Amino acid sequence: MSEPREHKLVKLIVGMFTNRLGLFKETLKVLERKHGPVDYESPLLPFDKTDYYEPEFGKDLKRKFYSFKRLIKAEELPRIKILTNNLEKKFGDKRGNRLINLDPGYLAPAKLVLATTKDYQHRIYYGKGIYGEVTLRYKKGVKPRGGHAPLRGSFIPWEWTYPDYRTKKYIEIFNHIRKIYMKQLKNIPRGIKR
């Protein structure tokens, strides 16, 4: 019989999209007060794989991803998702429409998990009305999507992975954040829970 062990600390990431670019910086200030400084900020990316959000947000949406230097416990995800939902309301308009969408999640060595309030067959309930979805999995011995680099390892999608998270650019971003995270795990002193 195996003994239960605590999960490794994980890397908090937050994806944001909006067409009001000033909201990236404004929202990030609040998140940094709660979770400390970022150690990665993605370039500005087009959010153009769906028009689902157009009635609420309008057109010409842009996306950014951030990762935070301070590692967290995986079980913090529901609290963080509730915080980001409250921030969406805070920065919303007077009619109750969101002006920015926040998608928190975390990287663990073998997966990218996103938080959601919607249940489905491939999502696990965390508590407080929040579910976790393993959106990407990390596999050793594969080339990064569309890459010509030697075989190492890369995130790869599942059948349910959102179209934008399947793109070469997003996978490159998460592979890069994983490298930062894996270095952090190696530098945690022995005796401290990793």
C-alpha atoms as a PDB file:
ATOM      1  CA  MET A   1       0.000   0.000   0.000  1.00  0.00           C
ATOM      2  CA  SER A   2       1.343   3.412  -0.887  1.00  0.00           C
ATOM      3  CA  GLU A   3       1.241   6.270   1.599  1.00  0.00           C
ATOM      4  CA  PRO A   4      -0.426   9.599   0.761  1.00  0.00           C
ATOM      5  CA  ARG A   5       2.062  12.358   0.002  1.00  0.00           C
ATOM      6  CA  GLU A   6       1.616  16.067  -0.352  1.00  0.00           C
ATOM      7  CA  HIS A   7       1.500  17.374  -3.922  1.00  0.00           C
ATOM      8  CA  LYS A   8       4.506  19.323  -5.220  1.00  0.00           C
ATOM      9  CA  LEU A   9       4.149  23.079  -5.192  1.00  0.00           C
ATOM     10  CA  VAL A  10       2.783  24.292  -8.528  1.00  0.00           C
ATOM     11  CA  LYS A  11       3.254  27.346 -10.755  1.00  0.00           C
ATOM     12  CA  LEU A  12       0.346  29.812 -10.820  1.00  0.00           C
ATOM     13  CA  ILE A  13      -0.548  31.107 -14.276  1.00  0.00           C
ATOM     14  CA  VAL A  14      -3.286  33.520 -15.283  1.00  0.00           C
ATOM     15  CA  GLY A  15      -4.482  34.045 -18.840  1.00  0.00           C
ATOM     16  CA  MET A  16      -6.311  37.288 -19.580  1.00  0.00           C
ATOM     17  CA  PHE A  17      -8.151  38.573 -22.610  1.00  0.00           C
ATOM     18  CA  THR A  18      -9.749  41.926 -23.332  1.00  0.00           C
ATOM     19  CA  ASN A  19      -9.912  44.608 -26.003  1.00  0.00           C
ATOM     20  CA  ARG A  20      -9.123  47.344 -23.435  1.00  0.00           C
ATOM     21  CA  LEU A  21      -5.381  46.936 -23.210  1.00  0.00           C
ATOM     22  CA  GLY A  22      -4.979  49.130 -20.122  1.00  0.00           C
ATOM     23  CA  LEU A  23      -6.901  46.520 -18.127  1.00  0.00           C
ATOM     24  CA  PHE A  24      -3.992  44.065 -18.390  1.00  0.00           C
ATOM     25  CA  LYS A  25      -1.784  46.301 -16.253  1.00  0.00           C
ATOM     26  CA  GLU A  26      -4.591  47.352 -13.891  1.00  0.00           C
ATOM     27  CA  THR A  27      -5.667  43.760 -13.218  1.00  0.00           C
ATOM     28  CA  LEU A  28      -2.093  42.557 -12.873  1.00  0.00           C
ATOM     29  CA  LYS A  29      -1.443  45.116 -10.109  1.00  0.00           C
ATOM     30  CA  VAL A  30      -4.195  43.531  -8.005  1.00  0.00           C
ATOM     31  CA  LEU A  31      -2.984  39.987  -8.705  1.00  0.00           C
ATOM     32  CA  GLU A  32       0.606  40.897  -7.798  1.00  0.00           C
ATOM     33  CA  ARG A  33      -0.571  42.320  -4.475  1.00  0.00           C
ATOM     34  CA  LYS A  34      -2.181  38.942  -3.728  1.00  0.00           C
ATOM     35  CA  HIS A  35       0.357  36.547  -5.281  1.00  0.00           C
ATOM     36  CA  GLY A  36       3.628  38.425  -5.599  1.00  0.00           C
ATOM     37  CA  PRO A  37       5.557  39.424  -8.704  1.00  0.00           C
ATOM     38  CA  VAL A  38       5.326  37.779 -12.100  1.00  0.00           C
ATOM     39  CA  ASP A  39       8.313  36.023 -13.575  1.00  0.00           C
ATOM     40  CA  TYR A  40       6.884  35.689 -17.090  1.00  0.00           C
ATOM     41  CA  GLU A  41       4.659  37.874 -19.269  1.00  0.00           C
ATOM     42  CA  SER A  42       3.719  36.642 -22.729  1.00  0.00           C
ATOM     43  CA  PRO A  43       3.648  38.858 -25.778  1.00  0.00           C
ATOM     44  CA  LEU A  44       0.255  40.235 -26.797  1.00  0.00           C
ATOM     45  CA  LEU A  45      -1.584  37.481 -28.677  1.00  0.00           C
ATOM     46  CA  PRO A  46      -4.684  37.618 -30.875  1.00  0.00           C
ATOM     47  CA  PHE A  47      -7.696  35.923 -29.276  1.00  0.00           C
ATOM     48  CA  ASP A  48      -9.308  34.810 -32.521  1.00  0.00           C
ATOM     49  CA  LYS A  49     -10.099  31.095 -32.332  1.00  0.00           C
ATOM     50  CA  THR A  50     -13.721  31.723 -31.288  1.00  0.00           C
ATOM     51  CA  ASP A  51     -16.345  34.469 -31.529  1.00  0.00           C
ATOM     52  CA  TYR A  52     -18.209  33.108 -28.472  1.00  0.00           C
ATOM     53  CA  TYR A  53     -17.260  36.113 -26.317  1.00  0.00           C
ATOM     54  CA  GLU A  54     -18.001  38.788 -28.941  1.00  0.00           C
ATOM     55  CA  PRO A  55     -21.539  39.667 -27.707  1.00  0.00           C
ATOM     56  CA  GLU A  56     -20.181  40.426 -24.215  1.00  0.00           C
ATOM     57  CA  PHE A  57     -16.708  41.824 -24.974  1.00  0.00           C
ATOM     58  CA  GLY A  58     -16.871  43.081 -28.551  1.00  0.00           C
ATOM     59  CA  LYS A  59     -14.263  42.439 -31.252  1.00  0.00           C
ATOM     60  CA  ASP A  60     -10.481  42.583 -31.540  1.00  0.00           C
ATOM     61  CA  LEU A  61      -9.729  40.706 -28.306  1.00  0.00           C
ATOM     62  CA  LYS A  62      -6.118  40.274 -27.216  1.00  0.00           C
ATOM     63  CA  ARG A  63      -4.668  37.694 -24.814  1.00  0.00           C
ATOM     64  CA  LYS A  64      -1.723  37.638 -22.415  1.00  0.00           C
ATOM     65  CA  PHE A  65      -0.422  34.976 -20.048  1.00  0.00           C
ATOM     66  CA  TYR A  66       1.411  35.630 -16.798  1.00  0.00           C
ATOM     67  CA  SER A  67       3.171  33.270 -14.422  1.00  0.00           C
ATOM     68  CA  PHE A  68       3.927  34.133 -10.827  1.00  0.00           C
ATOM     69  CA  LYS A  69       7.269  33.623  -9.121  1.00  0.00           C
ATOM     70  CA  ARG A  70       5.833  32.388  -5.803  1.00  0.00           C
ATOM     71  CA  LEU A  71       4.808  28.741  -6.082  1.00  0.00           C
ATOM     72  CA  ILE A  72       1.441  27.731  -4.619  1.00  0.00           C
ATOM     73  CA  LYS A  73      -0.325  24.638  -3.323  1.00  0.00           C
ATOM     74  CA  ALA A  74      -2.612  23.042  -5.925  1.00  0.00           C
ATOM     75  CA  GLU A  75      -5.528  23.201  -3.477  1.00  0.00           C
ATOM     76  CA  GLU A  76      -5.387  27.016  -3.591  1.00  0.00           C
ATOM     77  CA  LEU A  77      -6.946  26.967  -7.079  1.00  0.00           C
ATOM     78  CA  PRO A  78     -10.602  27.421  -5.954  1.00  0.00           C
ATOM     79  CA  ARG A  79      -9.734  30.483  -3.848  1.00  0.00           C
ATOM     80  CA  ILE A  80      -7.777  31.989  -6.749  1.00  0.00           C
ATOM     81  CA  LYS A  81     -10.616  31.349  -9.240  1.00  0.00           C
ATOM     82  CA  ILE A  82     -13.097  33.028  -6.890  1.00  0.00           C
ATOM     83  CA  LEU A  83     -10.722  36.010  -6.607  1.00  0.00           C
ATOM     84  CA  THR A  84     -10.387  36.300 -10.401  1.00  0.00           C
ATOM     85  CA  ASN A  85     -14.178  36.022 -10.851  1.00  0.00           C
ATOM     86  CA  ASN A  86     -14.561  38.904  -8.373  1.00  0.00           C
ATOM     87  CA  LEU A  87     -11.964  40.929 -10.279  1.00  0.00           C
ATOM     88  CA  GLU A  88     -13.893  40.369 -13.521  1.00  0.00           C
ATOM     89  CA  LYS A  89     -16.961  41.865 -11.805  1.00  0.00           C
ATOM     90  CA  LYS A  90     -14.952  44.732 -10.296  1.00  0.00           C
ATOM     91  CA  PHE A  91     -13.565  45.748 -13.694  1.00  0.00           C
ATOM     92  CA  GLY A  92     -16.912  45.153 -15.488  1.00  0.00           C
ATOM     93  CA  ASP A  93     -19.216  47.786 -16.930  1.00  0.00           C
ATOM     94  CA  LYS A  94     -22.397  49.214 -15.381  1.00  0.00           C
ATOM     95  CA  ARG A  95     -24.592  46.718 -17.262  1.00  0.00           C
ATOM     96  CA  GLY A  96     -22.795  43.770 -15.666  1.00  0.00           C
ATOM     97  CA  ASN A  97     -20.721  42.817 -18.714  1.00  0.00           C
ATOM     98  CA  ARG A  98     -17.154  41.773 -18.139  1.00  0.00           C
ATOM     99  CA  LEU A  99     -14.472  43.886 -19.780  1.00  0.00           C
ATOM    100  CA  ILE A 100     -11.676  41.416 -19.029  1.00  0.00           C
ATOM    101  CA  ASN A 101     -11.694  37.619 -18.768  1.00  0.00           C
ATOM    102  CA  LEU A 102      -9.328  35.941 -16.300  1.00  0.00           C
ATOM    103  CA  ASP A 103      -8.395  32.266 -16.560  1.00  0.00           C
ATOM    104  CA  PRO A 104      -6.286  31.076 -13.621  1.00  0.00           C
ATOM    105  CA  GLY A 105      -4.608  27.723 -13.511  1.00  0.00           C
ATOM    106  CA  TYR A 106      -1.352  26.064 -12.645  1.00  0.00           C
ATOM    107  CA  LEU A 107       1.526  24.160 -14.157  1.00  0.00           C
ATOM    108  CA  ALA A 108       2.699  20.965 -12.504  1.00  0.00           C
ATOM    109  CA  PRO A 109       5.566  18.932 -13.986  1.00  0.00           C
ATOM    110  CA  ALA A 110       3.207  16.777 -16.077  1.00  0.00           C
ATOM    111  CA  LYS A 111       0.210  19.014 -16.770  1.00  0.00           C
ATOM    112  CA  LEU A 112      -1.465  22.387 -17.177  1.00  0.00           C
ATOM    113  CA  VAL A 113      -4.646  22.637 -15.096  1.00  0.00           C
ATOM    114  CA  LEU A 114      -7.201  25.419 -15.653  1.00  0.00           C
ATOM    115  CA  ALA A 115      -9.915  26.411 -13.181  1.00  0.00           C
ATOM    116  CA  THR A 116     -13.537  26.661 -14.281  1.00  0.00           C
ATOM    117  CA  THR A 117     -16.997  26.962 -12.757  1.00  0.00           C
ATOM    118  CA  LYS A 118     -18.469  24.580 -15.336  1.00  0.00           C
ATOM    119  CA  ASP A 119     -18.685  20.826 -14.738  1.00  0.00           C
ATOM    120  CA  TYR A 120     -18.115  18.336 -17.521  1.00  0.00           C
ATOM    121  CA  GLN A 121     -17.021  14.713 -17.921  1.00  0.00           C
ATOM    122  CA  HIS A 122     -13.286  15.528 -17.956  1.00  0.00           C
ATOM    123  CA  ARG A 123     -13.289  17.999 -15.047  1.00  0.00           C
ATOM    124  CA  ILE A 124     -12.672  17.254 -11.369  1.00  0.00           C
ATOM    125  CA  TYR A 125     -14.475  19.074  -8.558  1.00  0.00           C
ATOM    126  CA  TYR A 126     -12.134  20.996  -6.235  1.00  0.00           C
ATOM    127  CA  GLY A 127     -14.776  22.514  -3.939  1.00  0.00           C
ATOM    128  CA  LYS A 128     -16.399  25.953  -3.568  1.00  0.00           C
ATOM    129  CA  GLY A 129     -18.086  25.543  -6.969  1.00  0.00           C
ATOM    130  CA  ILE A 130     -14.757  25.245  -8.806  1.00  0.00           C
ATOM    131  CA  TYR A 131     -13.547  22.464 -11.111  1.00  0.00           C
ATOM    132  CA  GLY A 132     -10.105  21.718 -12.512  1.00  0.00           C
ATOM    133  CA  GLU A 133      -9.455  20.685 -16.097  1.00  0.00           C
ATOM    134  CA  VAL A 134      -6.209  19.111 -17.263  1.00  0.00           C
ATOM    135  CA  THR A 135      -5.962  21.155 -20.466  1.00  0.00           C
ATOM    136  CA  LEU A 136      -2.493  20.063 -21.623  1.00  0.00           C
ATOM    137  CA  ARG A 137      -0.246  17.159 -20.669  1.00  0.00           C
ATOM    138  CA  TYR A 138       3.535  17.120 -20.762  1.00  0.00           C
ATOM    139  CA  LYS A 139       5.148  14.259 -22.617  1.00  0.00           C
ATOM    140  CA  LYS A 140       8.843  13.447 -22.754  1.00  0.00           C
ATOM    141  CA  GLY A 141      10.468  12.487 -26.026  1.00  0.00           C
ATOM    142  CA  VAL A 142       8.357  14.676 -28.311  1.00  0.00           C
ATOM    143  CA  LYS A 143       9.225  17.747 -30.321  1.00  0.00           C
ATOM    144  CA  PRO A 144       7.448  20.980 -29.496  1.00  0.00           C
ATOM    145  CA  ARG A 145       4.501  21.365 -31.854  1.00  0.00           C
ATOM    146  CA  GLY A 146       5.724  22.480 -35.263  1.00  0.00           C
ATOM    147  CA  GLY A 147       9.266  22.692 -33.905  1.00  0.00           C
ATOM    148  CA  HIS A 148      12.495  21.402 -35.372  1.00  0.00           C
ATOM    149  CA  ALA A 149      14.281  21.123 -32.039  1.00  0.00           C
ATOM    150  CA  PRO A 150      15.694  17.775 -30.916  1.00  0.00           C
ATOM    151  CA  LEU A 151      13.410  15.422 -29.021  1.00  0.00           C
ATOM    152  CA  ARG A 152      13.022  16.579 -25.417  1.00  0.00           C
ATOM    153  CA  GLY A 153       9.495  17.009 -24.275  1.00  0.00           C
ATOM    154  CA  SER A 154       6.519  19.258 -24.803  1.00  0.00           C
ATOM    155  CA  PHE A 155       3.001  19.963 -23.739  1.00  0.00           C
ATOM    156  CA  ILE A 156       0.468  18.276 -25.988  1.00  0.00           C
ATOM    157  CA  PRO A 157      -3.322  18.683 -26.189  1.00  0.00           C
ATOM    158  CA  TRP A 158      -6.176  16.343 -25.310  1.00  0.00           C
ATOM    159  CA  GLU A 159      -9.303  15.861 -27.414  1.00  0.00           C
ATOM    160  CA  TRP A 160     -11.088  18.502 -25.266  1.00  0.00           C
ATOM    161  CA  THR A 161      -8.300  21.096 -25.296  1.00  0.00           C
ATOM    162  CA  TYR A 162      -9.538  24.513 -26.446  1.00  0.00           C
ATOM    163  CA  PRO A 163      -8.410  25.425 -30.015  1.00  0.00           C
ATOM    164  CA  ASP A 164      -6.213  28.341 -28.865  1.00  0.00           C
ATOM    165  CA  TYR A 165      -4.411  26.145 -26.306  1.00  0.00           C
ATOM    166  CA  ARG A 166      -3.555  23.742 -29.154  1.00  0.00           C
ATOM    167  CA  THR A 167      -1.617  26.373 -31.096  1.00  0.00           C
ATOM    168  CA  LYS A 168       2.150  26.314 -31.477  1.00  0.00           C
ATOM    169  CA  LYS A 169       2.472  29.747 -29.849  1.00  0.00           C
ATOM    170  CA  TYR A 170       0.542  28.803 -26.682  1.00  0.00           C
ATOM    171  CA  ILE A 171       2.419  25.517 -26.336  1.00  0.00           C
ATOM    172  CA  GLU A 172       5.742  27.376 -26.704  1.00  0.00           C
ATOM    173  CA  ILE A 173       4.635  29.732 -23.907  1.00  0.00           C
ATOM    174  CA  PHE A 174       3.725  26.895 -21.545  1.00  0.00           C
ATOM    175  CA  ASN A 175       6.926  24.985 -22.371  1.00  0.00           C
ATOM    176  CA  HIS A 176       8.875  28.150 -21.503  1.00  0.00           C
ATOM    177  CA  ILE A 177       6.999  28.669 -18.223  1.00  0.00           C
ATOM    178  CA  ARG A 178       7.602  24.986 -17.374  1.00  0.00           C
ATOM    179  CA  LYS A 179      11.373  25.521 -17.753  1.00  0.00           C
ATOM    180  CA  ILE A 180      11.201  28.401 -15.257  1.00  0.00           C
ATOM    181  CA  TYR A 181       9.136  26.243 -12.896  1.00  0.00           C
ATOM    182  CA  MET A 182      11.394  23.168 -13.110  1.00  0.00           C
ATOM    183  CA  LYS A 183      14.433  25.332 -12.236  1.00  0.00           C
ATOM    184  CA  GLN A 184      12.509  26.654  -9.232  1.00  0.00           C
ATOM    185  CA  LEU A 185      11.730  23.114  -8.049  1.00  0.00           C
ATOM    186  CA  LYS A 186      15.418  22.163  -8.280  1.00  0.00           C
ATOM    187  CA  ASN A 187      16.384  25.182  -6.180  1.00  0.00           C
ATOM    188  CA  ILE A 188      14.029  24.467  -3.288  1.00  0.00           C
ATOM    189  CA  PRO A 189      16.265  23.369  -0.393  1.00  0.00           C
ATOM    190  CA  ARG A 190      15.948  19.777   0.784  1.00  0.00           C
ATOM    191  CA  GLY A 191      13.642  19.368   3.747  1.00  0.00           C
ATOM    192  CA  ILE A 192      11.248  22.051   2.450  1.00  0.00           C
ATOM    193  CA  LYS A 193       8.116  20.703   0.790  1.00  0.00           C
ATOM    194  CA  ARG A 194       8.562  20.983  -2.936  1.00  0.00           C
END
